[in-house]
Amino acid sequence: MKLIKRLGLVMVTVGLMTIVLIQGIGAMGNAAVGEYSCYCSQPALRLTQENVYWGSYADYTNHALSIDYDVSNDSTNYANAHNLEILGTSNSAGVTSISHGRNVNMVSAGECELVTVKYNVPPGVSGFSTRVYATTRDQCGNAYDYPGPMPGA
């Protein structure tokens, strides 16, 4: 059981239906073919800030602040998020992102993944706001941007 905090990205579901054929082996070793529904819909993703820290003394002296984000897929159907990528950030106070973390192969419905974004925080800045932009695909290959298209992209 996981405790999940609620913050972050837009949660919108758009659905379309496709039929796929799945082959399996029957009880007697015969090939069995059946029809199963596959939902091609936008994953309901949300972003939660988890940890804020200086990764090392060198990061501290270089003003490189790390923030861990939990990317959760709150979809109640089979809307898995494939090839999740942080595209960039929009920040206040002169802060810039310098590393967008790893690309995530898949965030399954009901699951979450941790991604770390590194920010350059200029001297004298005691706080800032950030908006994280990401893109992912559903199992049918349709692309979705969170919370929407990244400005200037």
Protein backbone atom coordinates (compact mmCIF):
# COMPACT_ATOMS: atom_id res chain seq x y z
CA MET A 1 0.00 0.00 0.00
CA LYS A 2 1.40 3.41 -0.98
CA LEU A 3 0.63 6.81 0.45
CA ILE A 4 0.31 9.17 -2.51
CA LYS A 5 0.15 12.96 -2.16
CA ARG A 6 -1.98 14.96 -4.56
CA LEU A 7 -0.33 17.83 -6.51
CA GLY A 8 0.59 18.54 -10.04
CA LEU A 9 -0.39 17.88 -13.56
CA VAL A 10 -3.72 18.03 -15.39
CA MET A 11 -5.83 14.87 -15.19
CA VAL A 12 -7.86 14.44 -18.39
CA THR A 13 -9.08 11.22 -19.93
CA VAL A 14 -9.83 10.91 -23.62
CA GLY A 15 -10.82 7.52 -24.91
CA LEU A 16 -10.97 5.58 -28.12
CA MET A 17 -11.37 1.86 -28.55
CA THR A 18 -9.52 -0.65 -30.65
CA ILE A 19 -9.75 -4.43 -30.88
CA VAL A 20 -6.63 -6.58 -30.76
CA LEU A 21 -6.23 -10.29 -31.28
CA ILE A 22 -4.28 -12.17 -28.64
CA GLN A 23 -3.10 -15.71 -29.20
CA GLY A 24 -2.68 -18.06 -26.30
CA ILE A 25 -2.32 -21.74 -25.62
CA GLY A 26 -5.50 -23.60 -24.64
CA ALA A 27 -5.59 -26.29 -21.93
CA MET A 28 -4.94 -29.09 -24.44
CA GLY A 29 -2.07 -27.29 -26.19
CA ASN A 30 -4.24 -25.90 -28.99
CA ALA A 31 -3.82 -22.30 -30.05
CA ALA A 32 -6.75 -20.22 -28.79
CA VAL A 33 -7.60 -16.87 -30.35
CA GLY A 34 -9.78 -14.33 -28.58
CA GLU A 35 -10.73 -10.69 -28.89
CA TYR A 36 -9.82 -8.30 -26.09
CA SER A 37 -10.47 -4.57 -25.71
CA CYS A 38 -7.50 -2.23 -25.60
CA TYR A 39 -8.14 1.35 -24.49
CA CYS A 40 -6.09 4.01 -26.20
CA SER A 41 -6.58 6.91 -23.85
CA GLN A 42 -4.62 9.71 -22.27
CA PRO A 43 -2.95 8.61 -19.04
CA ALA A 44 -4.11 10.57 -15.96
CA LEU A 45 -0.69 11.73 -14.77
CA ARG A 46 0.14 13.90 -11.78
CA LEU A 47 3.40 15.24 -10.44
CA THR A 48 4.28 15.38 -6.74
CA GLN A 49 7.36 17.10 -5.34
CA GLU A 50 9.13 14.65 -3.04
CA ASN A 51 12.65 15.76 -2.02
CA VAL A 52 14.62 19.01 -2.42
CA TYR A 53 18.36 18.77 -1.78
CA TRP A 54 21.91 19.58 -2.80
CA GLY A 55 23.26 16.34 -4.28
CA SER A 56 26.79 17.04 -3.04
CA TYR A 57 28.97 19.84 -1.73
CA ALA A 58 30.06 20.46 -5.33
CA ASP A 59 26.38 20.86 -6.32
CA TYR A 60 25.93 23.31 -3.44
CA THR A 61 28.92 25.44 -4.49
CA ASN A 62 27.75 25.28 -8.13
CA HIS A 63 24.16 26.22 -7.15
CA ALA A 64 22.80 22.94 -8.62
CA LEU A 65 19.66 22.08 -6.62
CA SER A 66 18.01 18.67 -7.11
CA ILE A 67 14.28 18.09 -6.83
CA ASP A 68 12.81 14.59 -6.89
CA TYR A 69 9.35 14.31 -8.43
CA ASP A 70 7.00 11.36 -8.19
CA VAL A 71 5.15 10.89 -11.51
CA SER A 72 1.95 8.96 -10.72
CA ASN A 73 -0.47 7.44 -13.20
CA ASP A 74 -3.94 7.69 -11.67
CA SER A 75 -5.67 6.06 -14.64
CA THR A 76 -8.39 3.62 -13.65
CA ASN A 77 -8.30 1.80 -16.97
CA TYR A 78 -5.27 0.43 -18.79
CA ALA A 79 -3.93 3.85 -19.85
CA ASN A 80 -0.21 3.25 -19.40
CA ALA A 81 2.19 6.14 -20.03
CA HIS A 82 4.95 5.04 -22.41
CA ASN A 83 8.28 6.82 -23.04
CA LEU A 84 7.72 9.58 -20.50
CA GLU A 85 10.17 12.44 -20.99
CA ILE A 86 10.60 15.69 -19.06
CA LEU A 87 10.93 18.31 -21.80
CA GLY A 88 11.85 21.27 -19.62
CA THR A 89 10.67 23.71 -16.99
CA SER A 90 9.39 27.26 -16.68
CA ASN A 91 10.79 28.92 -13.54
CA SER A 92 10.72 32.17 -11.59
CA ALA A 93 13.55 34.18 -9.95
CA GLY A 94 16.10 33.54 -12.71
CA VAL A 95 16.27 29.80 -11.97
CA THR A 96 16.98 27.47 -14.90
CA SER A 97 16.79 23.70 -15.23
CA ILE A 98 20.12 22.06 -16.08
CA SER A 99 19.13 18.38 -16.13
CA HIS A 100 15.72 16.83 -16.75
CA GLY A 101 16.46 13.41 -15.35
CA ARG A 102 15.94 10.06 -16.97
CA ASN A 103 13.36 9.08 -19.55
CA VAL A 104 10.90 6.57 -18.12
CA ASN A 105 10.03 3.59 -20.30
CA MET A 106 6.55 3.16 -18.79
CA VAL A 107 4.41 4.36 -15.90
CA SER A 108 1.70 1.73 -15.61
CA ALA A 109 -1.83 2.64 -14.53
CA GLY A 110 -1.89 2.77 -10.73
CA GLU A 111 1.90 3.03 -10.44
CA CYS A 112 4.50 5.80 -10.05
CA GLU A 113 8.11 6.55 -11.00
CA LEU A 114 10.69 8.89 -9.47
CA VAL A 115 12.40 11.50 -11.69
CA THR A 116 15.01 14.03 -10.56
CA VAL A 117 15.28 17.50 -12.14
CA LYS A 118 18.33 19.67 -11.40
CA TYR A 119 18.04 23.45 -11.26
CA ASN A 120 20.64 26.22 -11.33
CA VAL A 121 19.64 28.56 -8.49
CA PRO A 122 21.43 31.93 -8.64
CA PRO A 123 23.01 33.29 -5.44
CA GLY A 124 20.56 35.20 -3.26
CA VAL A 125 17.46 33.31 -4.42
CA SER A 126 15.61 31.96 -1.39
CA GLY A 127 12.61 30.49 -3.21
CA PHE A 128 11.19 29.96 -6.68
CA SER A 129 8.29 28.38 -8.49
CA THR A 130 8.60 25.91 -11.32
CA ARG A 131 6.30 24.31 -13.87
CA VAL A 132 7.48 21.00 -15.25
CA TYR A 133 6.58 20.03 -18.83
CA ALA A 134 6.50 16.41 -19.95
CA THR A 135 5.40 14.30 -22.88
CA THR A 136 4.31 10.67 -23.08
CA ARG A 137 2.49 8.26 -25.37
CA ASP A 138 -0.38 5.85 -24.81
CA GLN A 139 -0.20 2.19 -25.85
CA CYS A 140 -1.46 3.10 -29.33
CA GLY A 141 1.30 5.66 -29.90
CA ASN A 142 -0.77 8.84 -29.43
CA ALA A 143 1.31 11.66 -27.89
CA TYR A 144 0.19 13.81 -24.93
CA ASP A 145 1.81 16.88 -23.37
CA TYR A 146 1.55 17.72 -19.67
CA PRO A 147 0.29 20.11 -18.43
CA GLY A 148 0.14 21.22 -22.10
CA PRO A 149 2.64 22.09 -24.83
CA MET A 150 5.89 23.56 -23.53
CA PRO A 151 6.12 27.29 -24.36
CA GLY A 152 8.53 27.94 -27.21
CA ALA A 153 8.63 24.29 -28.28
